[in-house]
């Protein structure tokens, strides 16, 4: 993704206008975001969401191999044993405004083998697209900074196994996918 470098472009335009030059003007740009390469064979797999855990990037492909949507992600935190499952799944349900509940990292059961209420976290998400039971899904994570997505955050502050997305990207995906769409998650 590029952005026009407005100061330099304005100077070039002013120079061309002052000199009375006509013709093409090269517009200066700055690279704002780079995208990782697509997963091998992804365009040949039909309609699916490709989640690449190595690149921390996801794409939705249509049946003809065209990219309909893309986003950086944060996957599961393996250091706590919260790996994002790999394999081929499908979106089995979709909901908006859901409270997700799970065990906090480091929670230990009491002498009866039970967990206390304080051992659980609750996270509110706007867009929930689950692909494995009702435990794992793609969803927005408004508690994360934009800069956390697509990098190495998952190595030390990843999810509990879900695929975290920026809010705007989760909304876009939610409006594009359907129950039954394939989700392919791989390293």
N, C-alpha and C. Protein backbone atom coordinates (compact mmCIF):
# COMPACT_ATOMS: atom_id res chain seq x y z
N UNK A 1 0.86 -1.16 0.00
CA UNK A 1 0.00 0.00 0.00
C UNK A 1 0.91 1.23 0.00
N UNK A 2 0.53 2.20 -0.81
CA UNK A 2 1.33 3.41 -0.91
C UNK A 2 0.50 4.63 -0.55
N UNK A 3 1.20 5.67 -0.18
CA UNK A 3 0.57 6.95 0.08
C UNK A 3 1.36 7.99 -0.70
N UNK A 4 0.67 8.96 -1.27
CA UNK A 4 1.35 10.01 -2.02
C UNK A 4 2.14 10.86 -1.04
N UNK A 5 3.39 11.12 -1.38
CA UNK A 5 4.25 11.99 -0.56
C UNK A 5 3.93 13.40 -1.02
N UNK A 6 3.01 14.04 -0.32
CA UNK A 6 2.41 15.29 -0.79
C UNK A 6 3.38 16.46 -0.90
N UNK A 7 4.31 16.61 0.02
CA UNK A 7 5.23 17.75 -0.03
C UNK A 7 6.11 17.68 -1.27
N UNK A 8 6.69 16.51 -1.51
CA UNK A 8 7.57 16.33 -2.66
C UNK A 8 6.78 16.42 -3.97
N UNK A 9 5.58 15.84 -4.00
CA UNK A 9 4.75 15.89 -5.21
C UNK A 9 4.33 17.33 -5.51
N UNK A 10 3.96 18.08 -4.47
CA UNK A 10 3.57 19.49 -4.66
C UNK A 10 4.73 20.29 -5.24
N UNK A 11 5.95 20.04 -4.74
CA UNK A 11 7.13 20.75 -5.25
C UNK A 11 7.37 20.42 -6.72
N UNK A 12 7.23 19.13 -7.09
CA UNK A 12 7.41 18.72 -8.48
C UNK A 12 6.35 19.35 -9.39
N UNK A 13 5.12 19.38 -8.90
CA UNK A 13 4.02 19.97 -9.67
C UNK A 13 4.24 21.48 -9.85
N UNK A 14 4.65 22.17 -8.79
CA UNK A 14 4.91 23.61 -8.84
C UNK A 14 6.03 23.89 -9.85
N UNK A 15 7.06 23.07 -9.80
CA UNK A 15 8.19 23.22 -10.71
C UNK A 15 7.75 23.05 -12.17
N UNK A 16 6.93 22.02 -12.42
CA UNK A 16 6.45 21.76 -13.78
C UNK A 16 5.56 22.88 -14.28
N UNK A 17 4.69 23.39 -13.41
CA UNK A 17 3.79 24.48 -13.81
C UNK A 17 4.56 25.78 -14.07
N UNK A 18 5.53 26.06 -13.21
CA UNK A 18 6.35 27.27 -13.36
C UNK A 18 7.14 27.21 -14.67
N UNK A 19 7.65 26.04 -15.00
CA UNK A 19 8.44 25.87 -16.21
C UNK A 19 7.56 25.74 -17.46
N UNK A 20 6.26 25.57 -17.26
CA UNK A 20 5.36 25.42 -18.40
C UNK A 20 5.49 24.06 -19.06
N UNK A 21 5.96 23.10 -18.33
CA UNK A 21 6.17 21.76 -18.85
C UNK A 21 4.83 21.02 -18.94
N UNK A 22 4.63 20.33 -20.07
CA UNK A 22 3.45 19.47 -20.13
C UNK A 22 3.92 18.02 -20.25
N UNK A 23 3.03 17.13 -20.10
CA UNK A 23 3.39 15.72 -20.17
C UNK A 23 3.20 15.04 -18.82
N UNK A 24 3.90 13.95 -18.67
CA UNK A 24 3.73 13.12 -17.48
C UNK A 24 4.54 13.67 -16.32
N UNK A 25 3.99 13.49 -15.14
CA UNK A 25 4.66 13.88 -13.90
C UNK A 25 4.73 12.64 -13.01
N UNK A 26 5.90 12.31 -12.56
CA UNK A 26 6.05 11.16 -11.68
C UNK A 26 5.67 11.57 -10.26
N UNK A 27 4.72 10.87 -9.70
CA UNK A 27 4.22 11.17 -8.36
C UNK A 27 5.05 10.40 -7.35
N UNK A 28 5.55 11.13 -6.35
CA UNK A 28 6.35 10.50 -5.30
C UNK A 28 5.42 9.78 -4.33
N UNK A 29 5.80 8.55 -3.97
CA UNK A 29 5.00 7.78 -3.01
C UNK A 29 5.89 7.25 -1.90
N UNK A 30 5.24 6.88 -0.81
CA UNK A 30 5.91 6.27 0.33
C UNK A 30 5.21 4.95 0.61
N UNK A 31 5.95 3.88 0.81
CA UNK A 31 5.36 2.59 1.14
C UNK A 31 4.84 2.64 2.56
N UNK A 32 3.53 2.38 2.73
CA UNK A 32 2.90 2.43 4.05
C UNK A 32 2.78 1.05 4.67
N UNK A 33 2.57 0.05 3.86
CA UNK A 33 2.36 -1.29 4.35
C UNK A 33 2.82 -2.26 3.28
N UNK A 34 3.46 -3.31 3.69
CA UNK A 34 3.81 -4.35 2.73
C UNK A 34 3.00 -5.58 3.07
N UNK A 35 2.66 -6.32 2.06
CA UNK A 35 1.89 -7.54 2.27
C UNK A 35 2.80 -8.74 2.06
N UNK A 36 2.65 -9.73 2.91
CA UNK A 36 3.44 -10.95 2.69
C UNK A 36 2.96 -11.66 1.43
N UNK A 37 3.80 -12.51 0.90
CA UNK A 37 3.43 -13.28 -0.29
C UNK A 37 2.24 -14.17 0.04
N UNK A 38 1.49 -14.48 -1.00
CA UNK A 38 0.34 -15.36 -0.83
C UNK A 38 0.82 -16.78 -0.56
N UNK A 39 0.00 -17.54 0.13
CA UNK A 39 0.31 -18.94 0.41
C UNK A 39 0.29 -19.73 -0.89
N UNK A 40 1.24 -20.64 -1.03
CA UNK A 40 1.34 -21.44 -2.24
C UNK A 40 0.05 -22.20 -2.50
N UNK A 41 -0.46 -22.09 -3.71
CA UNK A 41 -1.66 -22.82 -4.12
C UNK A 41 -2.97 -22.22 -3.65
N UNK A 42 -2.93 -21.10 -2.93
CA UNK A 42 -4.16 -20.54 -2.37
C UNK A 42 -5.18 -20.17 -3.44
N UNK A 43 -4.72 -19.67 -4.56
CA UNK A 43 -5.65 -19.24 -5.61
C UNK A 43 -6.37 -20.41 -6.28
N UNK A 44 -5.85 -21.63 -6.10
CA UNK A 44 -6.44 -22.80 -6.73
C UNK A 44 -7.39 -23.56 -5.79
N UNK A 45 -7.57 -23.10 -4.58
CA UNK A 45 -8.37 -23.86 -3.60
C UNK A 45 -9.84 -23.47 -3.55
N UNK A 46 -10.28 -22.62 -4.44
CA UNK A 46 -11.67 -22.20 -4.42
C UNK A 46 -11.92 -21.18 -3.33
N UNK A 47 -13.19 -20.94 -3.06
CA UNK A 47 -13.56 -19.94 -2.06
C UNK A 47 -13.13 -20.41 -0.68
N UNK A 48 -12.32 -19.60 -0.01
CA UNK A 48 -11.87 -19.94 1.34
C UNK A 48 -11.15 -18.77 1.98
N UNK A 49 -11.02 -18.85 3.29
CA UNK A 49 -10.19 -17.90 4.03
C UNK A 49 -8.87 -18.62 4.29
N UNK A 50 -7.79 -18.05 3.82
CA UNK A 50 -6.45 -18.60 4.01
C UNK A 50 -5.81 -17.86 5.18
N UNK A 51 -5.50 -18.58 6.26
CA UNK A 51 -4.86 -17.98 7.43
C UNK A 51 -3.46 -18.56 7.53
N UNK A 52 -2.47 -17.71 7.30
CA UNK A 52 -1.07 -18.12 7.32
C UNK A 52 -0.47 -17.70 8.66
N UNK A 53 -0.19 -18.67 9.51
CA UNK A 53 0.33 -18.38 10.85
C UNK A 53 1.78 -17.90 10.82
N UNK A 54 2.53 -18.29 9.80
CA UNK A 54 3.92 -17.85 9.68
C UNK A 54 3.99 -16.37 9.35
N UNK A 55 3.18 -15.93 8.40
CA UNK A 55 3.21 -14.53 7.99
C UNK A 55 2.26 -13.66 8.81
N UNK A 56 1.40 -14.29 9.63
CA UNK A 56 0.40 -13.56 10.42
C UNK A 56 -0.46 -12.69 9.51
N UNK A 57 -0.99 -13.35 8.46
CA UNK A 57 -1.79 -12.65 7.47
C UNK A 57 -2.90 -13.58 6.98
N UNK A 58 -4.07 -13.02 6.68
CA UNK A 58 -5.20 -13.80 6.19
C UNK A 58 -5.76 -13.14 4.94
N UNK A 59 -6.30 -13.99 4.06
CA UNK A 59 -6.95 -13.51 2.84
C UNK A 59 -8.21 -14.34 2.58
N UNK A 60 -9.22 -13.69 2.03
CA UNK A 60 -10.42 -14.39 1.57
C UNK A 60 -10.35 -14.42 0.05
N UNK A 61 -10.43 -15.63 -0.50
CA UNK A 61 -10.42 -15.83 -1.95
C UNK A 61 -11.81 -16.22 -2.41
N UNK A 62 -12.19 -15.76 -3.60
CA UNK A 62 -13.46 -16.22 -4.17
C UNK A 62 -13.21 -17.51 -4.94
N UNK A 63 -14.26 -18.05 -5.53
CA UNK A 63 -14.16 -19.34 -6.24
C UNK A 63 -13.24 -19.29 -7.44
N UNK A 64 -12.93 -18.09 -7.94
CA UNK A 64 -12.05 -17.94 -9.10
C UNK A 64 -10.61 -17.59 -8.72
N UNK A 65 -10.33 -17.56 -7.42
CA UNK A 65 -8.97 -17.27 -6.97
C UNK A 65 -8.67 -15.80 -6.79
N UNK A 66 -9.69 -14.95 -6.87
CA UNK A 66 -9.48 -13.52 -6.66
C UNK A 66 -9.50 -13.21 -5.17
N UNK A 67 -8.65 -12.30 -4.74
CA UNK A 67 -8.62 -11.89 -3.34
C UNK A 67 -9.74 -10.88 -3.12
N UNK A 68 -10.66 -11.22 -2.20
CA UNK A 68 -11.78 -10.34 -1.88
C UNK A 68 -11.49 -9.49 -0.65
N UNK A 69 -10.61 -9.98 0.20
CA UNK A 69 -10.35 -9.33 1.50
C UNK A 69 -8.98 -9.78 1.97
N UNK A 70 -8.32 -8.93 2.75
CA UNK A 70 -7.01 -9.30 3.33
C UNK A 70 -6.81 -8.52 4.61
N UNK A 71 -6.00 -9.11 5.51
CA UNK A 71 -5.75 -8.43 6.78
C UNK A 71 -4.58 -9.08 7.52
N UNK A 72 -3.82 -8.25 8.24
CA UNK A 72 -2.86 -8.82 9.19
C UNK A 72 -3.66 -9.38 10.37
N UNK A 73 -3.08 -10.34 11.08
CA UNK A 73 -3.77 -11.01 12.18
C UNK A 73 -2.85 -11.10 13.40
N UNK A 74 -3.41 -11.54 14.51
CA UNK A 74 -2.65 -12.02 15.66
C UNK A 74 -3.24 -13.39 15.98
N UNK A 75 -2.41 -14.41 15.98
CA UNK A 75 -2.88 -15.77 16.26
C UNK A 75 -2.55 -16.17 17.69
N UNK A 76 -2.71 -17.45 17.97
CA UNK A 76 -2.56 -17.97 19.33
C UNK A 76 -1.16 -17.88 19.90
N UNK A 77 -1.12 -17.67 21.20
CA UNK A 77 0.12 -17.53 21.96
C UNK A 77 0.63 -18.92 22.37
N UNK A 78 1.57 -19.45 21.58
CA UNK A 78 2.09 -20.79 21.84
C UNK A 78 2.86 -20.87 23.15
N UNK A 79 3.41 -19.76 23.63
CA UNK A 79 4.18 -19.80 24.88
C UNK A 79 3.30 -20.18 26.07
N UNK A 80 1.99 -19.98 25.96
CA UNK A 80 1.04 -20.38 26.99
C UNK A 80 0.26 -21.63 26.57
N UNK A 81 0.63 -22.22 25.45
CA UNK A 81 -0.07 -23.40 24.98
C UNK A 81 -1.39 -23.10 24.29
N UNK A 82 -1.54 -21.88 23.82
CA UNK A 82 -2.78 -21.46 23.15
C UNK A 82 -2.59 -21.41 21.63
N UNK A 83 -2.10 -22.47 21.05
CA UNK A 83 -1.88 -22.49 19.61
C UNK A 83 -3.20 -22.36 18.86
N UNK A 84 -3.16 -21.66 17.75
CA UNK A 84 -4.30 -21.64 16.85
C UNK A 84 -4.29 -22.97 16.12
N UNK A 85 -5.42 -23.68 16.09
CA UNK A 85 -5.44 -24.99 15.43
C UNK A 85 -5.18 -24.86 13.93
N UNK A 86 -4.49 -25.82 13.39
CA UNK A 86 -4.22 -25.84 11.95
C UNK A 86 -5.08 -26.93 11.31
N UNK A 87 -5.37 -26.74 10.04
CA UNK A 87 -6.17 -27.71 9.30
C UNK A 87 -7.20 -27.01 8.45
N UNK A 88 -8.14 -27.80 7.94
CA UNK A 88 -9.22 -27.26 7.13
C UNK A 88 -10.51 -27.31 7.93
N UNK A 89 -11.14 -26.16 8.06
CA UNK A 89 -12.37 -26.02 8.83
C UNK A 89 -13.39 -25.31 7.96
N UNK A 90 -14.53 -24.99 8.55
CA UNK A 90 -15.48 -24.12 7.86
C UNK A 90 -16.18 -23.25 8.88
N UNK A 91 -16.63 -22.10 8.42
CA UNK A 91 -17.38 -21.20 9.30
C UNK A 91 -18.66 -21.94 9.67
N UNK A 92 -18.85 -22.20 10.98
CA UNK A 92 -20.03 -22.95 11.39
C UNK A 92 -21.11 -22.08 12.00
N UNK A 93 -20.78 -20.86 12.40
CA UNK A 93 -21.79 -19.90 12.83
C UNK A 93 -21.18 -18.51 12.86
N UNK A 94 -22.06 -17.54 12.82
CA UNK A 94 -21.64 -16.14 12.83
C UNK A 94 -22.57 -15.37 13.75
N UNK A 95 -22.00 -14.51 14.59
CA UNK A 95 -22.80 -13.71 15.50
C UNK A 95 -22.16 -12.34 15.68
N UNK A 96 -22.98 -11.38 16.04
CA UNK A 96 -22.46 -10.07 16.41
C UNK A 96 -22.69 -9.85 17.89
N UNK A 97 -21.83 -9.01 18.47
CA UNK A 97 -21.93 -8.61 19.88
C UNK A 97 -21.97 -9.81 20.83
N UNK A 98 -20.83 -10.48 20.92
CA UNK A 98 -20.71 -11.71 21.70
C UNK A 98 -19.70 -11.51 22.83
N UNK A 99 -19.98 -12.08 23.97
CA UNK A 99 -19.02 -12.09 25.09
C UNK A 99 -18.33 -13.45 25.09
N UNK A 100 -17.03 -13.46 24.83
CA UNK A 100 -16.24 -14.69 24.85
C UNK A 100 -15.67 -14.88 26.25
N UNK A 101 -15.67 -16.11 26.74
CA UNK A 101 -15.19 -16.38 28.08
C UNK A 101 -14.20 -17.53 28.03
N UNK A 102 -13.10 -17.39 28.78
CA UNK A 102 -12.08 -18.44 28.82
C UNK A 102 -11.21 -18.30 30.05
N UNK A 103 -10.31 -19.27 30.24
CA UNK A 103 -9.40 -19.24 31.38
C UNK A 103 -8.27 -18.27 31.16
N UNK A 104 -7.95 -17.49 32.18
CA UNK A 104 -6.79 -16.60 32.14
C UNK A 104 -5.51 -17.43 32.06
N UNK A 105 -4.48 -16.86 31.45
CA UNK A 105 -3.17 -17.50 31.43
C UNK A 105 -2.70 -17.71 32.87
N UNK A 106 -2.19 -18.88 33.16
CA UNK A 106 -1.64 -19.16 34.49
C UNK A 106 -2.66 -19.54 35.54
N UNK A 107 -3.95 -19.60 35.19
CA UNK A 107 -4.98 -19.98 36.16
C UNK A 107 -4.76 -21.43 36.59
N UNK A 108 -4.89 -21.67 37.88
CA UNK A 108 -4.73 -23.03 38.40
C UNK A 108 -5.97 -23.42 39.19
N UNK A 109 -6.37 -24.68 39.10
CA UNK A 109 -7.56 -25.12 39.81
C UNK A 109 -7.31 -25.18 41.32
N UNK A 110 -8.40 -25.06 42.09
CA UNK A 110 -8.27 -25.18 43.54
C UNK A 110 -8.12 -26.65 43.93
N UNK A 111 -8.13 -26.93 45.21
CA UNK A 111 -7.92 -28.30 45.69
C UNK A 111 -8.99 -29.28 45.20
N UNK A 112 -10.15 -28.78 44.82
CA UNK A 112 -11.22 -29.63 44.28
C UNK A 112 -11.10 -29.81 42.77
N UNK A 113 -10.08 -29.20 42.18
CA UNK A 113 -9.90 -29.28 40.74
C UNK A 113 -10.79 -28.34 39.97
N UNK A 114 -11.34 -27.34 40.68
CA UNK A 114 -12.24 -26.38 40.06
C UNK A 114 -11.57 -25.02 39.95
N UNK A 115 -12.08 -24.23 39.03
CA UNK A 115 -11.56 -22.88 38.85
C UNK A 115 -12.51 -21.89 39.50
N UNK A 116 -11.95 -20.81 40.02
CA UNK A 116 -12.75 -19.73 40.61
C UNK A 116 -13.24 -18.81 39.49
N UNK A 117 -14.26 -18.06 39.76
CA UNK A 117 -14.79 -17.12 38.77
C UNK A 117 -13.71 -16.13 38.32
N UNK A 118 -12.83 -15.74 39.23
CA UNK A 118 -11.77 -14.78 38.91
C UNK A 118 -10.70 -15.37 37.99
N UNK A 119 -10.73 -16.68 37.78
CA UNK A 119 -9.76 -17.33 36.89
C UNK A 119 -10.14 -17.18 35.41
N UNK A 120 -11.32 -16.63 35.15
CA UNK A 120 -11.82 -16.50 33.79
C UNK A 120 -11.77 -15.06 33.30
N UNK A 121 -11.56 -14.90 32.01
CA UNK A 121 -11.64 -13.58 31.38
C UNK A 121 -12.92 -13.55 30.55
N UNK A 122 -13.40 -12.36 30.30
CA UNK A 122 -14.52 -12.16 29.38
C UNK A 122 -14.10 -11.07 28.41
N UNK A 123 -14.19 -11.36 27.13
CA UNK A 123 -13.87 -10.39 26.09
C UNK A 123 -15.08 -10.17 25.22
N UNK A 124 -15.48 -8.93 25.06
CA UNK A 124 -16.60 -8.58 24.19
C UNK A 124 -16.07 -8.39 22.78
N UNK A 125 -16.70 -9.07 21.81
CA UNK A 125 -16.33 -8.90 20.41
C UNK A 125 -17.57 -8.53 19.60
N UNK A 126 -17.37 -7.73 18.58
CA UNK A 126 -18.48 -7.31 17.74
C UNK A 126 -18.80 -8.33 16.65
N UNK A 127 -17.74 -8.98 16.11
CA UNK A 127 -17.91 -9.87 14.97
C UNK A 127 -17.26 -11.22 15.28
N UNK A 128 -18.07 -12.25 15.43
CA UNK A 128 -17.62 -13.59 15.81
C UNK A 128 -17.96 -14.55 14.69
N UNK A 129 -16.92 -15.14 14.09
CA UNK A 129 -17.07 -16.10 13.00
C UNK A 129 -16.34 -17.36 13.42
N UNK A 130 -17.06 -18.31 14.02
CA UNK A 130 -16.35 -19.47 14.57
C UNK A 130 -16.19 -20.56 13.52
N UNK A 131 -15.07 -21.29 13.67
CA UNK A 131 -14.74 -22.33 12.70
C UNK A 131 -14.45 -23.67 13.35
N UNK A 132 -14.37 -23.75 14.67
CA UNK A 132 -14.12 -25.02 15.34
C UNK A 132 -14.97 -25.04 16.61
N UNK A 133 -16.09 -25.78 16.55
CA UNK A 133 -17.03 -25.74 17.66
C UNK A 133 -17.47 -24.31 17.87
N UNK A 134 -17.56 -23.92 19.13
CA UNK A 134 -17.81 -22.52 19.46
C UNK A 134 -16.62 -21.98 20.25
N UNK A 135 -15.47 -22.67 20.10
CA UNK A 135 -14.28 -22.30 20.86
C UNK A 135 -13.28 -21.46 20.08
N UNK A 136 -13.17 -21.67 18.79
CA UNK A 136 -12.17 -20.98 17.99
C UNK A 136 -12.86 -20.26 16.84
N UNK A 137 -12.42 -19.03 16.60
CA UNK A 137 -13.00 -18.27 15.51
C UNK A 137 -12.14 -17.10 15.10
N UNK A 138 -12.61 -16.41 14.10
CA UNK A 138 -12.02 -15.14 13.68
C UNK A 138 -12.88 -14.06 14.31
N UNK A 139 -12.25 -13.06 14.91
CA UNK A 139 -13.02 -11.98 15.53
C UNK A 139 -12.18 -10.73 15.69
N UNK A 140 -12.88 -9.62 15.92
CA UNK A 140 -12.22 -8.34 16.16
C UNK A 140 -11.56 -8.37 17.54
N UNK A 141 -10.54 -7.57 17.68
CA UNK A 141 -9.82 -7.46 18.97
C UNK A 141 -9.51 -5.98 19.19
N UNK A 142 -10.49 -5.25 19.70
CA UNK A 142 -10.32 -3.80 19.88
C UNK A 142 -9.37 -3.45 21.01
N UNK A 143 -8.92 -4.42 21.76
CA UNK A 143 -7.96 -4.19 22.84
C UNK A 143 -6.53 -4.15 22.32
N UNK A 144 -6.33 -4.41 21.06
CA UNK A 144 -4.99 -4.40 20.47
C UNK A 144 -4.76 -3.12 19.67
N UNK A 145 -3.51 -2.65 19.68
CA UNK A 145 -3.10 -1.53 18.84
C UNK A 145 -3.00 -2.03 17.41
N UNK A 146 -3.25 -1.17 16.45
CA UNK A 146 -3.15 -1.54 15.03
C UNK A 146 -1.78 -2.13 14.69
N UNK A 147 -0.73 -1.59 15.33
CA UNK A 147 0.64 -2.04 15.04
C UNK A 147 0.90 -3.47 15.48
N UNK A 148 0.06 -4.02 16.34
CA UNK A 148 0.27 -5.38 16.84
C UNK A 148 -0.07 -6.44 15.80
N UNK A 149 -0.96 -6.10 14.87
CA UNK A 149 -1.41 -7.08 13.89
C UNK A 149 -0.35 -7.29 12.81
N UNK A 150 -0.12 -8.56 12.48
CA UNK A 150 0.79 -8.90 11.39
C UNK A 150 2.24 -9.01 11.79
N UNK A 151 2.58 -8.76 13.03
CA UNK A 151 3.97 -8.83 13.46
C UNK A 151 4.23 -10.05 14.31
N UNK A 152 5.07 -9.87 15.31
CA UNK A 152 5.48 -10.99 16.17
C UNK A 152 4.77 -10.99 17.52
N UNK A 153 3.71 -10.20 17.65
CA UNK A 153 2.97 -10.12 18.90
C UNK A 153 2.52 -11.49 19.38
N UNK A 154 2.13 -12.37 18.45
CA UNK A 154 1.64 -13.70 18.82
C UNK A 154 2.67 -14.51 19.60
N UNK A 155 3.94 -14.18 19.46
CA UNK A 155 4.99 -14.93 20.16
C UNK A 155 4.99 -14.67 21.66
N UNK A 156 4.50 -13.51 22.09
CA UNK A 156 4.53 -13.16 23.51
C UNK A 156 3.22 -12.63 24.06
N UNK A 157 2.29 -12.23 23.16
CA UNK A 157 1.00 -11.70 23.61
C UNK A 157 -0.08 -12.06 22.60
N UNK A 158 -0.09 -13.32 22.21
CA UNK A 158 -1.07 -13.77 21.23
C UNK A 158 -2.43 -14.01 21.84
N UNK A 159 -3.30 -14.55 21.04
CA UNK A 159 -4.66 -14.84 21.48
C UNK A 159 -4.70 -16.15 22.27
N UNK A 160 -5.88 -16.54 22.68
CA UNK A 160 -6.07 -17.83 23.35
C UNK A 160 -6.34 -18.92 22.32
N UNK A 161 -6.00 -18.66 21.06
CA UNK A 161 -6.15 -19.63 19.98
C UNK A 161 -6.97 -19.12 18.82
N UNK A 162 -7.73 -18.06 19.04
CA UNK A 162 -8.53 -17.47 17.96
C UNK A 162 -7.64 -16.66 17.02
N UNK A 163 -8.24 -16.24 15.92
CA UNK A 163 -7.57 -15.37 14.96
C UNK A 163 -8.10 -13.95 15.21
N UNK A 164 -7.26 -13.11 15.81
CA UNK A 164 -7.64 -11.73 16.11
C UNK A 164 -7.46 -10.86 14.88
N UNK A 165 -8.44 -9.95 14.66
CA UNK A 165 -8.43 -9.04 13.53
C UNK A 165 -8.67 -7.61 14.00
N UNK A 166 -8.15 -6.62 13.26
CA UNK A 166 -8.54 -5.24 13.55
C UNK A 166 -10.06 -5.12 13.39
N UNK A 167 -10.68 -4.25 14.14
CA UNK A 167 -12.15 -4.12 14.12
C UNK A 167 -12.68 -3.89 12.72
N UNK A 168 -12.10 -2.94 11.99
CA UNK A 168 -12.62 -2.63 10.65
C UNK A 168 -12.48 -3.83 9.71
N UNK A 169 -11.40 -4.58 9.83
CA UNK A 169 -11.19 -5.75 8.98
C UNK A 169 -12.14 -6.89 9.35
N UNK A 170 -12.43 -7.03 10.64
CA UNK A 170 -13.38 -8.05 11.08
C UNK A 170 -14.78 -7.75 10.54
N UNK A 171 -15.15 -6.47 10.55
CA UNK A 171 -16.45 -6.07 10.02
C UNK A 171 -16.53 -6.35 8.53
N UNK A 172 -15.47 -6.00 7.80
CA UNK A 172 -15.45 -6.28 6.36
C UNK A 172 -15.62 -7.77 6.09
N UNK A 173 -14.83 -8.60 6.81
CA UNK A 173 -14.90 -10.04 6.59
C UNK A 173 -16.28 -10.58 6.95
N UNK A 174 -16.82 -10.13 8.05
CA UNK A 174 -18.14 -10.58 8.50
C UNK A 174 -19.20 -10.34 7.41
N UNK A 175 -19.06 -9.26 6.69
CA UNK A 175 -20.02 -8.93 5.64
C UNK A 175 -19.75 -9.65 4.32
N UNK A 176 -18.66 -10.39 4.25
CA UNK A 176 -18.31 -11.12 3.03
C UNK A 176 -18.46 -12.64 3.15
N UNK A 177 -18.30 -13.18 4.35
CA UNK A 177 -18.30 -14.64 4.50
C UNK A 177 -19.70 -15.17 4.80
N UNK A 178 -19.82 -16.48 4.65
CA UNK A 178 -21.08 -17.17 4.90
C UNK A 178 -20.79 -18.43 5.71
N UNK A 179 -21.79 -18.87 6.45
CA UNK A 179 -21.67 -20.17 7.11
C UNK A 179 -21.41 -21.20 6.02
N UNK A 180 -20.42 -22.04 6.26
CA UNK A 180 -20.03 -23.06 5.28
C UNK A 180 -18.78 -22.71 4.51
N UNK A 181 -18.35 -21.43 4.52
CA UNK A 181 -17.11 -21.07 3.84
C UNK A 181 -15.93 -21.79 4.50
N UNK A 182 -15.00 -22.28 3.67
CA UNK A 182 -13.82 -22.97 4.17
C UNK A 182 -12.87 -21.99 4.85
N UNK A 183 -12.19 -22.49 5.88
CA UNK A 183 -11.11 -21.77 6.55
C UNK A 183 -9.92 -22.71 6.57
N UNK A 184 -8.85 -22.32 5.92
CA UNK A 184 -7.64 -23.14 5.89
C UNK A 184 -6.57 -22.42 6.69
N UNK A 185 -6.14 -23.07 7.78
CA UNK A 185 -5.14 -22.47 8.67
C UNK A 185 -3.89 -23.32 8.61
N UNK A 186 -2.76 -22.68 8.37
CA UNK A 186 -1.50 -23.40 8.19
C UNK A 186 -0.33 -22.54 8.63
N UNK A 187 0.81 -23.22 8.82
CA UNK A 187 2.07 -22.52 9.12
C UNK A 187 2.67 -21.98 7.84
